[in-house]
Amino acid sequence: MNKDQVKGATKEATGQIKQDVGRALNDRELQAKGLAKEAEGKLQKNLGDAKEVVNDASRDLDDQSRRDLDRK
């Protein structure tokens, strides 16, 4: 898990809480801010997920290259 995944999940949860509080208070502006924060969090979490995929693929390629070199 990387920092973008953690920060994204935190923003997503914060946004959901803001939306819930906004609904409870009938505050549309707070609801909108919560929705925006949640969307920002989802995007950041997805960025973190993509980074993990790239890092995993890079590690796999590096491991494969080392095995290939060891065979020679």
Protein backbone atom coordinates (compact mmCIF):
# COMPACT_ATOMS: atom_id res chain seq x y z
CA MET A 1 0.00 0.00 0.00
CA ASN A 2 1.38 3.40 -0.93
CA LYS A 3 0.76 6.93 0.33
CA ASP A 4 -1.68 7.77 -2.49
CA GLN A 5 -3.84 4.80 -1.61
CA VAL A 6 -3.89 5.78 2.08
CA LYS A 7 -4.47 9.49 1.47
CA GLY A 8 -7.12 8.71 -1.12
CA ALA A 9 -9.01 6.39 1.19
CA THR A 10 -8.84 9.01 3.95
CA LYS A 11 -10.18 11.75 1.66
CA GLU A 12 -12.90 9.42 0.43
CA ALA A 13 -14.03 8.67 3.99
CA THR A 14 -13.86 12.36 4.97
CA GLY A 15 -15.98 13.25 1.96
CA GLN A 16 -18.58 10.67 2.87
CA ILE A 17 -18.75 12.00 6.43
CA LYS A 18 -19.16 15.57 5.14
CA GLN A 19 -21.97 14.41 2.89
CA ASP A 20 -23.71 12.65 5.77
CA VAL A 21 -23.39 15.67 8.05
CA GLY A 22 -24.59 17.91 5.24
CA ARG A 23 -27.65 15.70 4.77
CA ALA A 24 -28.35 15.71 8.52
CA LEU A 25 -28.07 19.50 8.66
CA ASN A 26 -29.83 19.98 5.33
CA ASP A 27 -26.73 21.87 4.16
CA ARG A 28 -26.39 21.40 0.40
CA GLU A 29 -23.07 23.25 0.27
CA LEU A 30 -21.51 20.87 2.80
CA GLN A 31 -22.95 17.93 0.87
CA ALA A 32 -21.40 19.25 -2.34
CA LYS A 33 -18.02 19.75 -0.64
CA GLY A 34 -18.23 16.22 0.70
CA LEU A 35 -19.04 14.84 -2.72
CA ALA A 36 -16.07 16.70 -4.21
CA LYS A 37 -13.73 15.45 -1.46
CA GLU A 38 -14.97 11.90 -1.95
CA ALA A 39 -14.35 12.11 -5.70
CA GLU A 40 -10.87 13.55 -5.09
CA GLY A 41 -10.15 10.67 -2.74
CA LYS A 42 -11.33 8.07 -5.24
CA LEU A 43 -9.09 9.56 -7.91
CA GLN A 44 -6.07 9.64 -5.62
CA LYS A 45 -6.73 6.07 -4.48
CA ASN A 46 -7.00 4.94 -8.11
CA LEU A 47 -3.70 6.70 -8.85
CA GLY A 48 -2.15 4.80 -5.96
CA ASP A 49 -3.60 1.54 -7.26
CA ALA A 50 -2.12 2.23 -10.70
CA LYS A 51 1.27 2.98 -9.15
CA GLU A 52 1.14 -0.37 -7.34
CA VAL A 53 0.41 -2.20 -10.59
CA VAL A 54 3.34 -0.48 -12.31
CA ASN A 55 5.68 -1.16 -9.38
CA ASP A 56 4.65 -4.82 -9.25
CA ALA A 57 5.17 -5.21 -13.00
CA SER A 58 8.55 -3.50 -12.76
CA ARG A 59 9.62 -5.83 -9.93
CA ASP A 60 8.45 -8.85 -11.92
CA LEU A 61 10.43 -7.75 -14.98
CA ASP A 62 13.50 -7.09 -12.85
CA ASP A 63 13.23 -10.53 -11.24
CA GLN A 64 12.80 -12.17 -14.64
CA SER A 65 15.82 -10.30 -16.03
CA ARG A 66 17.96 -11.45 -13.11
CA ARG A 67 16.86 -15.06 -13.58
CA ASP A 68 17.64 -14.83 -17.30
CA LEU A 69 21.12 -13.42 -16.54
CA ASP A 70 21.77 -16.14 -13.99
CA ARG A 71 21.02 -18.80 -16.60
CA LYS A 72 23.68 -17.44 -18.96
